Amino acid sequence: MCMKFPCEIITEPYIAEMRITITKILKGKGYSQIQIAELLQVSQPIISGYLRKEKTYDDVPSEIIHSAQTIGIEIAELLISKGEEGIPESISMACYQCKMLRTGGPVCLYHKQSIPILEEDCTRCLSGHDVISLQVDKTLILSNLRVVYKEITSMKHIERIIPEIGMQIVLGGPNMNNTMDIAGFPSRIIKRKKSNLMADGPIFGGSSSLSDLLLLLNKKFSGIFALASIKTSDWLIKRLANLNKTYEVIDGFDLDYKKKIDDIVAISKLPLVIIDYGSLGYEAISYIVSADHIELVKLIREIVNY
């Protein structure tokens, strides 16, 4: 076991991939290699190298690369619109996203896995009032998600609503703006024949697809901070009707929820279950939408405890 620092994990791949993304976008907009080099404050040969080949990274969490590419697109758009005046804001954006990755995110998880002696709630690489406040908020969300996992895995008959592909659960907070502000499980909660349900520990950015849906729901309808995917079945619908719970049947929701989301007419009454019977080749998945982790657990318990 070696003493490896979080910055060693993230700095090279994050900055490189972000710069590669920015370079390719600016080049596509007609910028010369020299102009791009001046904006990014690197040499022209480096820019040439960015354009010439794709970089690969061994043993680097994919969330880091995806996040770098996303922030690279945003910075490129900023530089195109503001030029050099966009540099200060670009630096803030890149550094903030880096902190998100370290604050309970994939870098934090990867670092703790490489150094098992670190405590689960380790915050040694974080400093500053804003970051500490952010860490407190994120620590609470992770703690609440662990409570959800503990509660549902102790429920009898929980397998009734676990999809074959596994169950996903995500939690966010009032300040969530992107998927890195939402906590989920990197692997789904799955059924096992001779043991309890299994899933990796929660992290921020752990479930991008469900996090995207939660963000969209939160922007469309306020007060939504918890979401879970469950198995669609006729039994589920009968159970919800018997419990007098709100649900909406929306065919094809899983394939095109960005367009189908406006079909949710009863969202003002939470919790809500969105029922989708699925499409050819896809397992039918439904979604529990709720205000918080407490409400989420309560409804799941009501559904499965019969």
Foldseek 3Di string as FASTA:
>chain_A
DDDDDLCVQQVPLLVLLLLLLLLVVVVVVPDDLVLSCVLVVHDSVSSVVSVPDDDDDPPHPVVSNVLSNVLSVVLSVQCVVPPSVSNVVSVVSSVVSVLLCCLQHPSVVSNCVVPVVDDPLDDVVDDDPVSVVLSVVVVVQLVLVVVLVVLLQPAPQSVVWADQQAKKKKFADPPDDAQSRIKIFLGHFHDDDPDTTDTHRIGRNSDRVVSVVQNLCCVVDPLWTMKMKTAADPLQVVLCVVVVHAEAEFEPCSVCVVVRVVVPDPVVDPFYKYFYPDDPPDGGMIMTIHRGSVSVSVVSNSRRVD
